Amino acid sequence: MILALEKVKKLVCFLGVKIHTALFCLVETGDFQRFAKGNIYAAYLGLVPGEDSSSDNINRLPLQKRGTVI
């Protein structure tokens, strides 16, 4: 339980990741060692970051779920 809580705290540090998303990632993944890089892991989960920026105006959106998790 404590180990899972530490992993949730680490995942919540990312922009757009709240507790619910972090728990979803932990449950779906199980073992993070299967993924060499973060972009491979994000693609596996079907999560993509959103951004609606223009010139100097930077507007970052939360993570969005795309596709189906296998």
PDB file of N, CA and C in Angstrom:
ATOM      1  N   MET A   1       0.824  -1.196   0.000  1.00  0.00           N
ATOM      2  CA  MET A   1       0.000   0.000   0.000  1.00  0.00           C
ATOM      3  C   MET A   1       0.864   1.253   0.000  1.00  0.00           C
ATOM      4  N   ILE A   2       1.901   1.277   0.826  1.00  0.00           N
ATOM      5  CA  ILE A   2       2.770   2.449   0.911  1.00  0.00           C
ATOM      6  C   ILE A   2       3.533   2.630  -0.394  1.00  0.00           C
ATOM      7  N   LEU A   3       3.970   1.534  -1.005  1.00  0.00           N
ATOM      8  CA  LEU A   3       4.682   1.613  -2.274  1.00  0.00           C
ATOM      9  C   LEU A   3       3.786   2.200  -3.357  1.00  0.00           C
ATOM     10  N   ALA A   4       2.521   1.800  -3.390  1.00  0.00           N
ATOM     11  CA  ALA A   4       1.574   2.333  -4.369  1.00  0.00           C
ATOM     12  C   ALA A   4       1.338   3.824  -4.133  1.00  0.00           C
ATOM     13  N   LEU A   5       1.264   4.241  -2.901  1.00  0.00           N
ATOM     14  CA  LEU A   5       1.072   5.654  -2.575  1.00  0.00           C
ATOM     15  C   LEU A   5       2.252   6.497  -3.062  1.00  0.00           C
ATOM     16  N   GLU A   6       3.462   5.967  -2.924  1.00  0.00           N
ATOM     17  CA  GLU A   6       4.650   6.668  -3.404  1.00  0.00           C
ATOM     18  C   GLU A   6       4.607   6.807  -4.926  1.00  0.00           C
ATOM     19  N   LYS A   7       4.172   5.764  -5.625  1.00  0.00           N
ATOM     20  CA  LYS A   7       4.069   5.817  -7.085  1.00  0.00           C
ATOM     21  C   LYS A   7       3.012   6.833  -7.517  1.00  0.00           C
ATOM     22  N   VAL A   8       1.902   6.894  -6.799  1.00  0.00           N
ATOM     23  CA  VAL A   8       0.857   7.869  -7.115  1.00  0.00           C
ATOM     24  C   VAL A   8       1.407   9.284  -6.941  1.00  0.00           C
ATOM     25  N   LYS A   9       2.133   9.528  -5.869  1.00  0.00           N
ATOM     26  CA  LYS A   9       2.713  10.855  -5.627  1.00  0.00           C
ATOM     27  C   LYS A   9       3.660  11.252  -6.753  1.00  0.00           C
ATOM     28  N   LYS A  10       4.424  10.297  -7.275  1.00  0.00           N
ATOM     29  CA  LYS A  10       5.349  10.590  -8.371  1.00  0.00           C
ATOM     30  C   LYS A  10       4.588  10.927  -9.645  1.00  0.00           C
ATOM     31  N   LEU A  11       3.540  10.185  -9.949  1.00  0.00           N
ATOM     32  CA  LEU A  11       2.782  10.411 -11.180  1.00  0.00           C
ATOM     33  C   LEU A  11       2.006  11.724 -11.146  1.00  0.00           C
ATOM     34  N   VAL A  12       1.545  12.122  -9.964  1.00  0.00           N
ATOM     35  CA  VAL A  12       0.766  13.354  -9.831  1.00  0.00           C
ATOM     36  C   VAL A  12       1.637  14.587 -10.100  1.00  0.00           C
ATOM     37  N   CYS A  13       2.950  14.441 -10.064  1.00  0.00           N
ATOM     38  CA  CYS A  13       3.849  15.562 -10.344  1.00  0.00           C
ATOM     39  C   CYS A  13       3.755  16.022 -11.795  1.00  0.00           C
ATOM     40  N   PHE A  14       3.287  15.165 -12.700  1.00  0.00           N
ATOM     41  CA  PHE A  14       3.186  15.530 -14.111  1.00  0.00           C
ATOM     42  C   PHE A  14       1.971  16.406 -14.358  1.00  0.00           C
ATOM     43  N   LEU A  15       2.112  17.352 -15.281  1.00  0.00           N
ATOM     44  CA  LEU A  15       1.002  18.229 -15.648  1.00  0.00           C
ATOM     45  C   LEU A  15      -0.171  17.413 -16.162  1.00  0.00           C
ATOM     46  N   GLY A  16      -1.349  17.704 -15.665  1.00  0.00           N
ATOM     47  CA  GLY A  16      -2.556  17.032 -16.141  1.00  0.00           C
ATOM     48  C   GLY A  16      -2.863  15.716 -15.466  1.00  0.00           C
ATOM     49  N   VAL A  17      -1.982  15.230 -14.596  1.00  0.00           N
ATOM     50  CA  VAL A  17      -2.203  13.946 -13.925  1.00  0.00           C
ATOM     51  C   VAL A  17      -2.698  14.213 -12.509  1.00  0.00           C
ATOM     52  N   LYS A  18      -3.895  13.769 -12.245  1.00  0.00           N
ATOM     53  CA  LYS A  18      -4.471  13.876 -10.900  1.00  0.00           C
ATOM     54  C   LYS A  18      -4.489  12.466 -10.293  1.00  0.00           C
ATOM     55  N   ILE A  19      -5.014  12.348  -9.100  1.00  0.00           N
ATOM     56  CA  ILE A  19      -4.989  11.072  -8.383  1.00  0.00           C
ATOM     57  C   ILE A  19      -5.709   9.974  -9.163  1.00  0.00           C
ATOM     58  N   HIS A  20      -6.864  10.287  -9.736  1.00  0.00           N
ATOM     59  CA  HIS A  20      -7.628   9.275 -10.468  1.00  0.00           C
ATOM     60  C   HIS A  20      -6.835   8.744 -11.663  1.00  0.00           C
ATOM     61  N   THR A  21      -6.206   9.638 -12.413  1.00  0.00           N
ATOM     62  CA  THR A  21      -5.406   9.229 -13.571  1.00  0.00           C
ATOM     63  C   THR A  21      -4.201   8.414 -13.130  1.00  0.00           C
ATOM     64  N   ALA A  22      -3.559   8.819 -12.048  1.00  0.00           N
ATOM     65  CA  ALA A  22      -2.395   8.090 -11.543  1.00  0.00           C
ATOM     66  C   ALA A  22      -2.778   6.674 -11.116  1.00  0.00           C
ATOM     67  N   LEU A  23      -3.894   6.542 -10.430  1.00  0.00           N
ATOM     68  CA  LEU A  23      -4.348   5.207 -10.019  1.00  0.00           C
ATOM     69  C   LEU A  23      -4.687   4.339 -11.228  1.00  0.00           C
ATOM     70  N   PHE A  24      -5.317   4.939 -12.234  1.00  0.00           N
ATOM     71  CA  PHE A  24      -5.629   4.221 -13.469  1.00  0.00           C
ATOM     72  C   PHE A  24      -4.342   3.695 -14.107  1.00  0.00           C
ATOM     73  N   CYS A  25      -3.329   4.547 -14.181  1.00  0.00           N
ATOM     74  CA  CYS A  25      -2.057   4.148 -14.785  1.00  0.00           C
ATOM     75  C   CYS A  25      -1.417   2.995 -14.024  1.00  0.00           C
ATOM     76  N   LEU A  26      -1.442   3.068 -12.702  1.00  0.00           N
ATOM     77  CA  LEU A  26      -0.853   1.995 -11.891  1.00  0.00           C
ATOM     78  C   LEU A  26      -1.579   0.672 -12.074  1.00  0.00           C
ATOM     79  N   VAL A  27      -2.896   0.722 -12.103  1.00  0.00           N
ATOM     80  CA  VAL A  27      -3.688  -0.504 -12.240  1.00  0.00           C
ATOM     81  C   VAL A  27      -3.492  -1.127 -13.621  1.00  0.00           C
ATOM     82  N   GLU A  28      -3.496  -0.304 -14.660  1.00  0.00           N
ATOM     83  CA  GLU A  28      -3.358  -0.814 -16.025  1.00  0.00           C
ATOM     84  C   GLU A  28      -1.947  -1.315 -16.317  1.00  0.00           C
ATOM     85  N   THR A  29      -0.947  -0.728 -15.682  1.00  0.00           N
ATOM     86  CA  THR A  29       0.439  -1.041 -16.006  1.00  0.00           C
ATOM     87  C   THR A  29       0.976  -2.227 -15.236  1.00  0.00           C
ATOM     88  N   GLY A  30       0.865  -2.179 -13.951  1.00  0.00           N
ATOM     89  CA  GLY A  30       1.447  -3.240 -13.133  1.00  0.00           C
ATOM     90  C   GLY A  30       2.948  -3.050 -12.974  1.00  0.00           C
ATOM     91  N   ASP A  31       3.723  -3.371 -14.014  1.00  0.00           N
ATOM     92  CA  ASP A  31       5.180  -3.298 -13.970  1.00  0.00           C
ATOM     93  C   ASP A  31       5.682  -2.242 -14.949  1.00  0.00           C
ATOM     94  N   PHE A  32       6.238  -1.153 -14.438  1.00  0.00           N
ATOM     95  CA  PHE A  32       6.730  -0.065 -15.280  1.00  0.00           C
ATOM     96  C   PHE A  32       8.012  -0.440 -16.020  1.00  0.00           C
ATOM     97  N   GLN A  33       8.688  -1.489 -15.577  1.00  0.00           N
ATOM     98  CA  GLN A  33       9.952  -1.884 -16.199  1.00  0.00           C
ATOM     99  C   GLN A  33       9.763  -2.398 -17.629  1.00  0.00           C
ATOM    100  N   ARG A  34       8.527  -2.687 -18.021  1.00  0.00           N
ATOM    101  CA  ARG A  34       8.256  -3.178 -19.374  1.00  0.00           C
ATOM    102  C   ARG A  34       8.476  -2.107 -20.432  1.00  0.00           C
ATOM    103  N   PHE A  35       8.506  -0.848 -20.042  1.00  0.00           N
ATOM    104  CA  PHE A  35       8.573   0.263 -20.990  1.00  0.00           C
ATOM    105  C   PHE A  35       9.919   0.967 -20.897  1.00  0.00           C
ATOM    106  N   ALA A  36      10.590   1.085 -22.047  1.00  0.00           N
ATOM    107  CA  ALA A  36      11.920   1.689 -22.072  1.00  0.00           C
ATOM    108  C   ALA A  36      11.864   3.205 -21.884  1.00  0.00           C
ATOM    109  N   LYS A  37      10.834   3.848 -22.440  1.00  0.00           N
ATOM    110  CA  LYS A  37      10.736   5.310 -22.381  1.00  0.00           C
ATOM    111  C   LYS A  37       9.311   5.729 -22.049  1.00  0.00           C
ATOM    112  N   GLY A  38       9.190   6.964 -21.584  1.00  0.00           N
ATOM    113  CA  GLY A  38       7.887   7.498 -21.202  1.00  0.00           C
ATOM    114  C   GLY A  38       6.917   7.626 -22.358  1.00  0.00           C
ATOM    115  N   ASN A  39       7.433   7.979 -23.556  1.00  0.00           N
ATOM    116  CA  ASN A  39       6.526   8.124 -24.692  1.00  0.00           C
ATOM    117  C   ASN A  39       5.932   6.781 -25.124  1.00  0.00           C
ATOM    118  N   ILE A  40       6.676   5.705 -24.942  1.00  0.00           N
ATOM    119  CA  ILE A  40       6.160   4.367 -25.252  1.00  0.00           C
ATOM    120  C   ILE A  40       5.062   3.999 -24.259  1.00  0.00           C
ATOM    121  N   TYR A  41       5.282   4.347 -23.009  1.00  0.00           N
ATOM    122  CA  TYR A  41       4.292   4.084 -21.967  1.00  0.00           C
ATOM    123  C   TYR A  41       3.007   4.880 -22.209  1.00  0.00           C
ATOM    124  N   ALA A  42       3.145   6.166 -22.547  1.00  0.00           N
ATOM    125  CA  ALA A  42       1.979   7.012 -22.822  1.00  0.00           C
ATOM    126  C   ALA A  42       1.197   6.484 -24.021  1.00  0.00           C
ATOM    127  N   ALA A  43       1.909   6.018 -25.042  1.00  0.00           N
ATOM    128  CA  ALA A  43       1.241   5.452 -26.214  1.00  0.00           C
ATOM    129  C   ALA A  43       0.492   4.173 -25.836  1.00  0.00           C
ATOM    130  N   TYR A  44       1.063   3.365 -24.962  1.00  0.00           N
ATOM    131  CA  TYR A  44       0.408   2.140 -24.499  1.00  0.00           C
ATOM    132  C   TYR A  44      -0.912   2.456 -23.798  1.00  0.00           C
ATOM    133  N   LEU A  45      -0.904   3.496 -22.977  1.00  0.00           N
ATOM    134  CA  LEU A  45      -2.107   3.888 -22.254  1.00  0.00           C
ATOM    135  C   LEU A  45      -3.095   4.660 -23.117  1.00  0.00           C
ATOM    136  N   GLY A  46      -2.620   5.206 -24.228  1.00  0.00           N
ATOM    137  CA  GLY A  46      -3.478   6.007 -25.087  1.00  0.00           C
ATOM    138  C   GLY A  46      -3.678   7.418 -24.560  1.00  0.00           C
ATOM    139  N   LEU A  47      -2.737   7.908 -23.767  1.00  0.00           N
ATOM    140  CA  LEU A  47      -2.835   9.253 -23.201  1.00  0.00           C
ATOM    141  C   LEU A  47      -2.032  10.228 -24.041  1.00  0.00           C
ATOM    142  N   VAL A  48      -2.623  11.360 -24.344  1.00  0.00           N
ATOM    143  CA  VAL A  48      -1.929  12.406 -25.095  1.00  0.00           C
ATOM    144  C   VAL A  48      -2.119  13.732 -24.378  1.00  0.00           C
ATOM    145  N   PRO A  49      -1.062  14.541 -24.279  1.00  0.00           N
ATOM    146  CA  PRO A  49      -1.216  15.849 -23.662  1.00  0.00           C
ATOM    147  C   PRO A  49      -1.900  16.804 -24.622  1.00  0.00           C
ATOM    148  N   GLY A  50      -2.666  17.735 -24.101  1.00  0.00           N
ATOM    149  CA  GLY A  50      -3.324  18.738 -24.931  1.00  0.00           C
ATOM    150  C   GLY A  50      -2.649  20.080 -24.783  1.00  0.00           C
ATOM    151  N   GLU A  51      -2.617  20.850 -25.873  1.00  0.00           N
ATOM    152  CA  GLU A  51      -2.055  22.193 -25.817  1.00  0.00           C
ATOM    153  C   GLU A  51      -2.784  23.055 -26.835  1.00  0.00           C
ATOM    154  N   ASP A  52      -3.213  24.216 -26.386  1.00  0.00           N
ATOM    155  CA  ASP A  52      -3.888  25.175 -27.249  1.00  0.00           C
ATOM    156  C   ASP A  52      -3.130  26.489 -27.138  1.00  0.00           C
ATOM    157  N   SER A  53      -1.978  26.553 -27.831  1.00  0.00           N
ATOM    158  CA  SER A  53      -1.085  27.700 -27.700  1.00  0.00           C
ATOM    159  C   SER A  53      -1.018  28.491 -29.004  1.00  0.00           C
ATOM    160  N   SER A  54      -0.732  29.757 -28.851  1.00  0.00           N
ATOM    161  CA  SER A  54      -0.596  30.631 -30.000  1.00  0.00           C
ATOM    162  C   SER A  54       0.430  31.708 -29.662  1.00  0.00           C
ATOM    163  N   SER A  55       1.490  31.794 -30.447  1.00  0.00           N
ATOM    164  CA  SER A  55       2.527  32.800 -30.265  1.00  0.00           C
ATOM    165  C   SER A  55       3.093  32.719 -28.839  1.00  0.00           C
ATOM    166  N   ASP A  56       2.980  33.767 -28.064  1.00  0.00           N
ATOM    167  CA  ASP A  56       3.511  33.781 -26.695  1.00  0.00           C
ATOM    168  C   ASP A  56       2.503  33.264 -25.668  1.00  0.00           C
ATOM    169  N   ASN A  57       1.270  33.044 -26.107  1.00  0.00           N
ATOM    170  CA  ASN A  57       0.214  32.562 -25.216  1.00  0.00           C
ATOM    171  C   ASN A  57       0.277  31.039 -25.131  1.00  0.00           C
ATOM    172  N   ILE A  58       0.714  30.505 -23.997  1.00  0.00           N
ATOM    173  CA  ILE A  58       0.825  29.062 -23.810  1.00  0.00           C
ATOM    174  C   ILE A  58      -0.321  28.591 -22.920  1.00  0.00           C
ATOM    175  N   ASN A  59      -1.130  27.695 -23.444  1.00  0.00           N
ATOM    176  CA  ASN A  59      -2.266  27.153 -22.703  1.00  0.00           C
ATOM    177  C   ASN A  59      -2.187  25.633 -22.754  1.00  0.00           C
ATOM    178  N   ARG A  60      -1.709  25.016 -21.674  1.00  0.00           N
ATOM    179  CA  ARG A  60      -1.580  23.561 -21.618  1.00  0.00           C
ATOM    180  C   ARG A  60      -2.852  22.966 -21.037  1.00  0.00           C
ATOM    181  N   LEU A  61      -3.330  21.929 -21.682  1.00  0.00           N
ATOM    182  CA  LEU A  61      -4.558  21.256 -21.272  1.00  0.00           C
ATOM    183  C   LEU A  61      -4.218  19.958 -20.558  1.00  0.00           C
ATOM    184  N   PRO A  62      -5.158  19.387 -19.812  1.00  0.00           N
ATOM    185  CA  PRO A  62      -4.883  18.126 -19.119  1.00  0.00           C
ATOM    186  C   PRO A  62      -4.749  16.973 -20.104  1.00  0.00           C
ATOM    187  N   LEU A  63      -4.257  15.850 -19.602  1.00  0.00           N
ATOM    188  CA  LEU A  63      -4.151  14.650 -20.413  1.00  0.00           C
ATOM    189  C   LEU A  63      -5.532  14.197 -20.858  1.00  0.00           C
ATOM    190  N   GLN A  64      -5.599  13.684 -22.069  1.00  0.00           N
ATOM    191  CA  GLN A  64      -6.869  13.203 -22.607  1.00  0.00           C
ATOM    192  C   GLN A  64      -6.706  11.738 -22.975  1.00  0.00           C
ATOM    193  N   LYS A  65      -7.762  10.983 -22.794  1.00  0.00           N
ATOM    194  CA  LYS A  65      -7.748   9.558 -23.125  1.00  0.00           C
ATOM    195  C   LYS A  65      -8.120   9.385 -24.579  1.00  0.00           C
ATOM    196  N   ARG A  66      -7.273   8.710 -25.336  1.00  0.00           N
ATOM    197  CA  ARG A  66      -7.529   8.432 -26.745  1.00  0.00           C
ATOM    198  C   ARG A  66      -7.365   6.941 -26.982  1.00  0.00           C
ATOM    199  N   GLY A  67      -8.255   6.360 -27.747  1.00  0.00           N
ATOM    200  CA  GLY A  67      -8.110   4.948 -28.100  1.00  0.00           C
ATOM    201  C   GLY A  67      -8.542   4.024 -26.991  1.00  0.00           C
ATOM    202  N   THR A  68      -8.140   2.781 -27.129  1.00  0.00           N
ATOM    203  CA  THR A  68      -8.536   1.738 -26.192  1.00  0.00           C
ATOM    204  C   THR A  68      -7.302   1.128 -25.550  1.00  0.00           C
ATOM    205  N   VAL A  69      -7.356   0.909 -24.266  1.00  0.00           N
ATOM    206  CA  VAL A  69      -6.271   0.246 -23.555  1.00  0.00           C
ATOM    207  C   VAL A  69      -6.459  -1.248 -23.692  1.00  0.00           C
ATOM    208  N   ILE A  70      -5.407  -1.916 -24.095  1.00  0.00           N
ATOM    209  CA  ILE A  70      -5.479  -3.377 -24.263  1.00  0.00           C
ATOM    210  C   ILE A  70      -5.035  -4.066 -22.996  1.00  0.00           C
TER     211      ILE A  70
END
